[in-house]
Structure formats: C-alpha cells, structure tokens
Amino acid sequence: SEGDYQATIYTDAEDVERNPNNLDRLVRKVTRKDIIELNLARDGGALLHITKL
C-alpha cells in the first residue's frame, strides 16, 4: 500500500568466511516503489523485516 515503511535488513557480514554467524544490520526508510538490492555470500541469505511507518 502507499506510504513509507521501515526496512530492517540482516545480511551476512563481510567476514562470513571466518565468522559464519556474524551479521550486518541496516535500517532504512523505503516505499513500495523502492528496489532493495543485496549482495549475498555463497550459500548465504538475508532477512528483511518491513513495517509501515
């Protein structure tokens, strides 16, 4: 729906090869038209938690 949202994004940290449980956290404001691009580690993943502001 229209409006602003808060996206909390958890991804593998840059040192994932040495510390596989280490995560990076990013919080940003987004709208439904935004595209979120993620660089994922091989066999890695991401979690996005999106809430309406």
C-alpha atoms as a PDB file:
ATOM      1  CA  SER A   1       0.000   0.000   0.000  1.00  0.00           C
ATOM      2  CA  GLU A   2       1.023   3.645  -0.266  1.00  0.00           C
ATOM      3  CA  GLY A   3       3.205   5.301   2.330  1.00  0.00           C
ATOM      4  CA  ASP A   4       6.563   4.901   3.968  1.00  0.00           C
ATOM      5  CA  TYR A   5       7.969   1.758   5.517  1.00  0.00           C
ATOM      6  CA  GLN A   6      10.957   0.874   7.649  1.00  0.00           C
ATOM      7  CA  ALA A   7      13.071  -1.992   6.350  1.00  0.00           C
ATOM      8  CA  THR A   8      15.419  -3.711   8.782  1.00  0.00           C
ATOM      9  CA  ILE A   9      17.810  -5.827   6.728  1.00  0.00           C
ATOM     10  CA  TYR A  10      20.089  -8.529   8.124  1.00  0.00           C
ATOM     11  CA  THR A  11      22.749  -9.989   5.826  1.00  0.00           C
ATOM     12  CA  ASP A  12      25.938 -11.982   6.156  1.00  0.00           C
ATOM     13  CA  ALA A  13      28.844  -9.779   7.279  1.00  0.00           C
ATOM     14  CA  GLU A  14      31.913  -9.274   5.086  1.00  0.00           C
ATOM     15  CA  ASP A  15      33.897 -11.722   7.239  1.00  0.00           C
ATOM     16  CA  VAL A  16      31.366 -14.521   6.722  1.00  0.00           C
ATOM     17  CA  GLU A  17      34.088 -16.965   5.642  1.00  0.00           C
ATOM     18  CA  ARG A  18      35.780 -16.686   9.072  1.00  0.00           C
ATOM     19  CA  ASN A  19      32.699 -15.916  11.203  1.00  0.00           C
ATOM     20  CA  PRO A  20      29.636 -17.582   9.638  1.00  0.00           C
ATOM     21  CA  ASN A  21      27.307 -16.371  12.416  1.00  0.00           C
ATOM     22  CA  ASN A  22      28.298 -12.705  12.054  1.00  0.00           C
ATOM     23  CA  LEU A  23      25.556 -10.462  10.610  1.00  0.00           C
ATOM     24  CA  ASP A  24      25.276  -6.899   9.364  1.00  0.00           C
ATOM     25  CA  ARG A  25      22.146  -4.886  10.191  1.00  0.00           C
ATOM     26  CA  LEU A  26      20.858  -1.981   8.114  1.00  0.00           C
ATOM     27  CA  VAL A  27      17.735   0.095   8.806  1.00  0.00           C
ATOM     28  CA  ARG A  28      16.330   2.318   6.071  1.00  0.00           C
ATOM     29  CA  LYS A  29      13.120   4.004   5.015  1.00  0.00           C
ATOM     30  CA  VAL A  30      11.541   2.568   1.868  1.00  0.00           C
ATOM     31  CA  THR A  31       8.400   2.879  -0.214  1.00  0.00           C
ATOM     32  CA  ARG A  32       6.631   0.260  -2.274  1.00  0.00           C
ATOM     33  CA  LYS A  33       8.464   1.530  -5.359  1.00  0.00           C
ATOM     34  CA  ASP A  34      11.968   1.026  -3.925  1.00  0.00           C
ATOM     35  CA  ILE A  35      14.138  -1.849  -5.087  1.00  0.00           C
ATOM     36  CA  ILE A  36      16.385  -3.391  -2.452  1.00  0.00           C
ATOM     37  CA  GLU A  37      19.496  -4.990  -3.942  1.00  0.00           C
ATOM     38  CA  LEU A  38      21.515  -7.374  -1.788  1.00  0.00           C
ATOM     39  CA  ASN A  39      24.974  -8.863  -2.239  1.00  0.00           C
ATOM     40  CA  LEU A  40      24.715 -12.324  -0.727  1.00  0.00           C
ATOM     41  CA  ALA A  41      27.519 -14.646   0.253  1.00  0.00           C
ATOM     42  CA  ARG A  42      27.651 -18.019  -1.465  1.00  0.00           C
ATOM     43  CA  ASP A  43      25.105 -20.208   0.338  1.00  0.00           C
ATOM     44  CA  GLY A  44      24.202 -17.093   2.349  1.00  0.00           C
ATOM     45  CA  GLY A  45      20.929 -15.376   2.871  1.00  0.00           C
ATOM     46  CA  ALA A  46      19.146 -12.320   4.163  1.00  0.00           C
ATOM     47  CA  LEU A  47      16.238 -11.427   6.380  1.00  0.00           C
ATOM     48  CA  LEU A  48      14.088  -8.354   5.795  1.00  0.00           C
ATOM     49  CA  HIS A  49      11.599  -7.094   8.367  1.00  0.00           C
ATOM     50  CA  ILE A  50       9.362  -4.415   6.859  1.00  0.00           C
ATOM     51  CA  THR A  51       6.908  -2.354   8.916  1.00  0.00           C
ATOM     52  CA  LYS A  52       4.625   0.540   7.970  1.00  0.00           C
ATOM     53  CA  LEU A  53       5.608   3.912   9.443  1.00  0.00           C
END
